[in-house]
Protein backbone atom coordinates (compact mmCIF):
# COMPACT_ATOMS: atom_id res chain seq x y z
CA MET A 1 -26.45 -17.32 44.36
CA ILE A 2 -25.56 -14.04 46.00
CA ALA A 3 -28.74 -12.00 46.55
CA TYR A 4 -27.18 -8.76 47.79
CA VAL A 5 -24.00 -7.12 49.01
CA THR A 6 -23.91 -4.39 51.66
CA VAL A 7 -21.08 -2.03 52.52
CA GLY A 8 -21.08 0.40 55.39
CA ALA A 9 -20.55 4.12 54.94
CA ASP A 10 -20.24 6.97 57.41
CA ASP A 11 -20.82 9.62 54.72
CA ILE A 12 -23.70 8.52 52.48
CA ALA A 13 -23.47 11.58 50.21
CA ARG A 14 -19.78 10.89 49.53
CA ALA A 15 -20.51 7.20 48.91
CA LYS A 16 -23.34 8.14 46.54
CA ARG A 17 -20.99 10.31 44.49
CA PHE A 18 -18.49 7.44 44.20
CA TYR A 19 -20.88 4.59 43.39
CA SER A 20 -23.04 6.70 41.07
CA ALA A 21 -19.92 7.36 38.98
CA PHE A 22 -20.01 3.77 37.65
CA LEU A 23 -22.99 1.67 38.79
CA PRO A 24 -25.54 3.35 36.46
CA ALA A 25 -23.26 2.45 33.51
CA LEU A 26 -23.70 -1.18 34.60
CA ASP A 27 -27.51 -0.75 34.51
CA TYR A 28 -27.95 -0.37 38.28
CA GLY A 29 -30.77 1.97 39.29
CA LEU A 30 -30.64 3.90 42.56
CA LYS A 31 -33.26 4.24 45.27
CA GLU A 32 -32.43 6.46 48.22
CA GLY A 33 -34.02 6.37 51.63
CA PRO A 34 -33.31 7.11 55.27
CA GLU A 35 -31.65 3.68 55.48
CA GLY A 36 -29.08 4.54 52.77
CA LEU A 37 -28.58 3.73 49.10
CA SER A 38 -30.06 0.75 47.27
CA TYR A 39 -28.71 -0.07 43.81
CA ALA A 40 -30.60 -2.72 41.83
CA LEU A 41 -30.58 -4.12 38.32
CA PRO A 42 -33.79 -3.68 36.32
CA GLU A 43 -36.41 -6.40 36.45
CA GLN A 44 -37.41 -7.91 33.12
CA PRO A 45 -41.12 -8.70 32.55
CA GLY A 46 -41.88 -12.29 33.44
CA GLN A 47 -38.52 -12.85 35.16
CA SER A 48 -37.43 -12.73 38.76
CA ALA A 49 -35.28 -9.84 39.94
CA ALA A 50 -31.74 -9.66 38.55
CA LEU A 51 -29.22 -10.17 41.34
CA PRO A 52 -27.27 -9.12 43.26
CA ASP A 53 -28.54 -5.86 44.70
CA PHE A 54 -25.91 -3.54 46.14
CA TYR A 55 -26.54 -1.53 49.31
CA VAL A 56 -24.60 1.30 50.91
CA LYS A 57 -25.82 1.96 54.44
CA PRO A 58 -24.82 3.40 57.78
CA THR A 59 -23.76 0.67 60.18
CA PHE A 60 -26.53 -1.05 62.11
CA ASP A 61 -24.69 -0.83 65.43
CA GLY A 62 -23.87 2.87 65.07
CA HIS A 63 -20.10 2.32 65.23
CA PRO A 64 -17.89 3.72 62.44
CA ALA A 65 -17.94 1.76 59.20
CA SER A 66 -14.76 -0.06 58.25
CA ALA A 67 -13.52 -1.99 55.24
CA GLY A 68 -13.03 -5.73 55.55
CA ASN A 69 -9.41 -6.85 55.34
CA GLY A 70 -9.26 -9.18 52.36
CA ALA A 71 -12.83 -8.40 51.27
CA MET A 72 -13.45 -7.11 47.74
CA ILE A 73 -16.50 -6.56 45.57
CA ALA A 74 -16.03 -7.13 41.82
CA PHE A 75 -18.29 -5.73 39.12
CA GLU A 76 -18.09 -7.22 35.63
CA VAL A 77 -18.23 -4.61 32.87
CA ARG A 78 -18.69 -4.93 29.11
CA CYS A 79 -15.17 -4.35 27.80
CA GLN A 80 -11.62 -3.20 28.59
CA LYS A 81 -12.40 0.38 27.54
CA GLN A 82 -15.27 0.48 30.03
CA VAL A 83 -12.94 -0.72 32.80
CA ARG A 84 -10.68 2.28 32.06
CA THR A 85 -13.57 4.74 31.72
CA LEU A 86 -15.35 3.70 34.90
CA HIS A 87 -12.14 3.41 36.91
CA SER A 88 -11.31 6.99 35.94
CA ALA A 89 -14.86 8.19 36.71
CA ALA A 90 -14.78 6.54 40.14
CA LEU A 91 -11.43 8.19 40.95
CA ALA A 92 -12.82 11.57 39.92
CA ALA A 93 -15.82 10.90 42.18
CA GLY A 94 -13.72 10.49 45.32
CA GLY A 95 -12.32 6.98 45.03
CA PHE A 96 -8.71 5.97 45.55
CA ASP A 97 -6.57 3.98 43.12
CA GLU A 98 -5.69 0.48 44.27
CA GLY A 99 -4.37 -0.74 40.92
CA GLN A 100 -4.56 0.84 37.49
CA PRO A 101 -6.55 -0.99 34.80
CA GLY A 102 -4.61 -3.68 33.01
CA PHE A 103 -3.85 -7.36 32.78
CA ARG A 104 -2.57 -9.26 35.80
CA ASP A 105 -0.17 -12.20 35.48
CA SER A 106 -2.10 -14.12 38.15
CA TYR A 107 -5.25 -14.36 36.03
CA GLY A 108 -6.22 -15.61 32.58
CA PRO A 109 -5.03 -13.93 29.39
CA HIS A 110 -8.24 -11.90 28.91
CA PHE A 111 -8.87 -10.86 32.52
CA TYR A 112 -8.55 -7.05 32.47
CA VAL A 113 -9.11 -5.32 35.79
CA GLY A 114 -8.81 -2.02 37.64
CA TYR A 115 -8.91 -1.77 41.44
CA LEU A 116 -10.26 1.04 43.62
CA ARG A 117 -11.08 1.91 47.18
CA ASP A 118 -14.35 3.68 47.86
CA PRO A 119 -14.31 6.71 50.20
CA GLN A 120 -14.82 4.37 53.18
CA GLY A 121 -11.93 2.11 52.16
CA ASN A 122 -13.89 -0.81 50.68
CA LYS A 123 -12.01 -2.50 47.83
CA ILE A 124 -13.77 -2.54 44.47
CA ALA A 125 -12.74 -4.30 41.25
CA LEU A 126 -14.02 -3.43 37.79
CA PHE A 127 -13.18 -6.19 35.33
CA SER A 128 -13.74 -7.54 31.84
CA ASN A 129 -12.94 -11.07 30.75
CA ASP A 130 -14.03 -11.01 27.11
CA PRO A 131 -12.16 -13.59 24.99
CA ILE A 132 -12.96 -11.58 21.83
CA GLU A 133 -10.86 -8.62 22.98
CA PRO A 134 -7.06 -8.60 22.76
CA GLY A 135 -5.46 -10.53 25.59
CA ARG A 136 -2.31 -10.34 27.63
CA GLU A 137 0.75 -11.49 25.77
CA GLY A 138 2.95 -14.22 27.13
């Protein structure tokens, strides 16, 4: 099980604007500190912490942050409409379009996804895979 994901950022305020445009809609709460941003899902009474946590931090070695070639972080959302809404909100908050929301031929008939780059260049996917919603034809 993945416990946490960390991305580097040179401009924490810019990263906060981007990630706060969609992570709270996915129930992630934000804690800020001198070490950066910590987004976590709420803990339920009597249960262990919901994972994974998501961290946005300056690099440990002090060198400029960079995006991993081939690396991507995917967040599952509730429905296709939420993919569109959050993709748009993230673009308005300083993200860059890497693929408009829609179906992709490479994936199953209900896999609906929008791709973004955060201000640092990290690739983000917002997807829904709900078999109850309309699927891709063909």
